[in-house]
Amino acid sequence: MEARKNKGYKIADDYERRPELYSDLLPVWDIFIMLNATRQIGMTVNPLSMSDIKAAFDMNGIPEQAWPTYTRYIMKLDAEILKDVNHA
């Protein structure tokens, strides 16, 4: 992003205030982005299913001991998305 900024591209004002994503949480973020892109949408945006979350863990080789923590994080991210889109 810095290279784009140095070339004169306009960068969003909130870019400098973006949260830091720690490297140990990158798998959580990657899985959430994948699941969010494939979620079911009917009359409203539906929550991510536990079976989809588990399948994503399996596909990405996430160790089972990390599943409870990662699931909590993904569900919190999902709740923020649902809060935002279902009340827009």
C-alpha atoms as a PDB file:
ATOM      1  CA  MET A   1       0.000   0.000   0.000  1.00  0.00           C
ATOM      2  CA  GLU A   2       2.890   2.324   0.731  1.00  0.00           C
ATOM      3  CA  ALA A   3       4.158   1.891  -2.832  1.00  0.00           C
ATOM      4  CA  ARG A   4       0.750   2.930  -4.180  1.00  0.00           C
ATOM      5  CA  LYS A   5       0.698   5.904  -1.824  1.00  0.00           C
ATOM      6  CA  ASN A   6       4.168   6.956  -3.014  1.00  0.00           C
ATOM      7  CA  LYS A   7       2.958   6.797  -6.632  1.00  0.00           C
ATOM      8  CA  GLY A   8       0.254   9.317  -5.801  1.00  0.00           C
ATOM      9  CA  TYR A   9      -2.752   7.005  -5.525  1.00  0.00           C
ATOM     10  CA  LYS A  10      -5.477   8.172  -3.153  1.00  0.00           C
ATOM     11  CA  ILE A  11      -5.551   6.012  -0.024  1.00  0.00           C
ATOM     12  CA  ALA A  12      -8.667   5.898   2.182  1.00  0.00           C
ATOM     13  CA  ASP A  13      -8.387   8.080   5.280  1.00  0.00           C
ATOM     14  CA  ASP A  14      -9.009   5.177   7.616  1.00  0.00           C
ATOM     15  CA  TYR A  15      -6.155   3.119   6.137  1.00  0.00           C
ATOM     16  CA  GLU A  16      -3.763   4.455   8.768  1.00  0.00           C
ATOM     17  CA  ARG A  17      -6.207   3.447  11.537  1.00  0.00           C
ATOM     18  CA  ARG A  18      -6.709  -0.111  10.305  1.00  0.00           C
ATOM     19  CA  PRO A  19      -6.305  -2.825  12.932  1.00  0.00           C
ATOM     20  CA  GLU A  20      -3.171  -4.935  12.884  1.00  0.00           C
ATOM     21  CA  LEU A  21      -3.818  -8.559  12.014  1.00  0.00           C
ATOM     22  CA  TYR A  22      -1.370 -10.745  13.906  1.00  0.00           C
ATOM     23  CA  SER A  23       0.214 -13.542  11.890  1.00  0.00           C
ATOM     24  CA  ASP A  24      -1.167 -16.283  14.158  1.00  0.00           C
ATOM     25  CA  LEU A  25      -4.685 -15.107  13.277  1.00  0.00           C
ATOM     26  CA  LEU A  26      -4.205 -15.115   9.510  1.00  0.00           C
ATOM     27  CA  PRO A  27      -5.742 -18.609   9.163  1.00  0.00           C
ATOM     28  CA  VAL A  28      -8.871 -17.406  11.002  1.00  0.00           C
ATOM     29  CA  TRP A  29      -9.177 -14.404   8.713  1.00  0.00           C
ATOM     30  CA  ASP A  30      -8.560 -16.463   5.562  1.00  0.00           C
ATOM     31  CA  ILE A  31     -11.179 -19.026   6.580  1.00  0.00           C
ATOM     32  CA  PHE A  32     -13.691 -16.324   7.470  1.00  0.00           C
ATOM     33  CA  ILE A  33     -13.214 -14.576   4.119  1.00  0.00           C
ATOM     34  CA  MET A  34     -13.720 -17.893   2.299  1.00  0.00           C
ATOM     35  CA  LEU A  35     -16.849 -18.756   4.312  1.00  0.00           C
ATOM     36  CA  ASN A  36     -18.293 -15.254   4.048  1.00  0.00           C
ATOM     37  CA  ALA A  37     -18.029 -15.389   0.254  1.00  0.00           C
ATOM     38  CA  THR A  38     -19.989 -18.643   0.119  1.00  0.00           C
ATOM     39  CA  ARG A  39     -22.669 -18.032   2.775  1.00  0.00           C
ATOM     40  CA  GLN A  40     -26.329 -18.749   2.071  1.00  0.00           C
ATOM     41  CA  ILE A  41     -28.559 -15.759   1.469  1.00  0.00           C
ATOM     42  CA  GLY A  42     -32.336 -16.002   1.540  1.00  0.00           C
ATOM     43  CA  MET A  43     -34.709 -13.329   2.843  1.00  0.00           C
ATOM     44  CA  THR A  44     -31.792 -12.209   4.995  1.00  0.00           C
ATOM     45  CA  VAL A  45     -28.113 -12.975   5.194  1.00  0.00           C
ATOM     46  CA  ASN A  46     -27.807 -16.254   7.083  1.00  0.00           C
ATOM     47  CA  PRO A  47     -25.180 -17.034   9.719  1.00  0.00           C
ATOM     48  CA  LEU A  48     -22.298 -19.320   8.860  1.00  0.00           C
ATOM     49  CA  SER A  49     -23.086 -22.916   9.685  1.00  0.00           C
ATOM     50  CA  MET A  50     -21.026 -24.981  12.103  1.00  0.00           C
ATOM     51  CA  SER A  51     -20.717 -27.705   9.469  1.00  0.00           C
ATOM     52  CA  ASP A  52     -19.240 -25.194   6.995  1.00  0.00           C
ATOM     53  CA  ILE A  53     -16.823 -23.919   9.641  1.00  0.00           C
ATOM     54  CA  LYS A  54     -15.718 -27.463  10.493  1.00  0.00           C
ATOM     55  CA  ALA A  55     -15.304 -28.325   6.806  1.00  0.00           C
ATOM     56  CA  ALA A  56     -13.155 -25.218   6.334  1.00  0.00           C
ATOM     57  CA  PHE A  57     -10.959 -26.253   9.266  1.00  0.00           C
ATOM     58  CA  ASP A  58     -10.559 -29.708   7.733  1.00  0.00           C
ATOM     59  CA  MET A  59      -9.769 -28.303   4.287  1.00  0.00           C
ATOM     60  CA  ASN A  60      -7.175 -25.923   5.710  1.00  0.00           C
ATOM     61  CA  GLY A  61      -5.505 -28.414   8.027  1.00  0.00           C
ATOM     62  CA  ILE A  62      -6.343 -26.545  11.227  1.00  0.00           C
ATOM     63  CA  PRO A  63      -5.384 -28.669  14.271  1.00  0.00           C
ATOM     64  CA  GLU A  64      -8.395 -29.813  16.292  1.00  0.00           C
ATOM     65  CA  GLN A  65      -7.102 -28.190  19.484  1.00  0.00           C
ATOM     66  CA  ALA A  66      -7.463 -24.784  17.748  1.00  0.00           C
ATOM     67  CA  TRP A  67     -11.059 -25.363  16.629  1.00  0.00           C
ATOM     68  CA  PRO A  68     -12.847 -24.012  19.743  1.00  0.00           C
ATOM     69  CA  THR A  69     -10.847 -20.768  19.738  1.00  0.00           C
ATOM     70  CA  TYR A  70     -10.997 -20.298  15.978  1.00  0.00           C
ATOM     71  CA  THR A  71     -14.731 -21.036  15.996  1.00  0.00           C
ATOM     72  CA  ARG A  72     -15.298 -18.336  18.619  1.00  0.00           C
ATOM     73  CA  TYR A  73     -13.360 -15.800  16.539  1.00  0.00           C
ATOM     74  CA  ILE A  74     -15.191 -16.707  13.329  1.00  0.00           C
ATOM     75  CA  MET A  75     -18.567 -16.499  15.065  1.00  0.00           C
ATOM     76  CA  LYS A  76     -17.703 -13.038  16.424  1.00  0.00           C
ATOM     77  CA  LEU A  77     -16.690 -11.856  12.961  1.00  0.00           C
ATOM     78  CA  ASP A  78     -19.872 -13.376  11.551  1.00  0.00           C
ATOM     79  CA  ALA A  79     -22.004 -11.601  14.155  1.00  0.00           C
ATOM     80  CA  GLU A  80     -20.520  -8.259  13.096  1.00  0.00           C
ATOM     81  CA  ILE A  81     -21.324  -8.946   9.457  1.00  0.00           C
ATOM     82  CA  LEU A  82     -24.876 -10.027  10.303  1.00  0.00           C
ATOM     83  CA  LYS A  83     -25.410  -6.986  12.517  1.00  0.00           C
ATOM     84  CA  ASP A  84     -24.239  -4.704   9.742  1.00  0.00           C
ATOM     85  CA  VAL A  85     -26.109  -6.207   6.766  1.00  0.00           C
ATOM     86  CA  ASN A  86     -29.360  -7.190   8.454  1.00  0.00           C
ATOM     87  CA  HIS A  87     -29.833  -3.721   9.937  1.00  0.00           C
ATOM     88  CA  ALA A  88     -28.785  -1.739   6.880  1.00  0.00           C
END
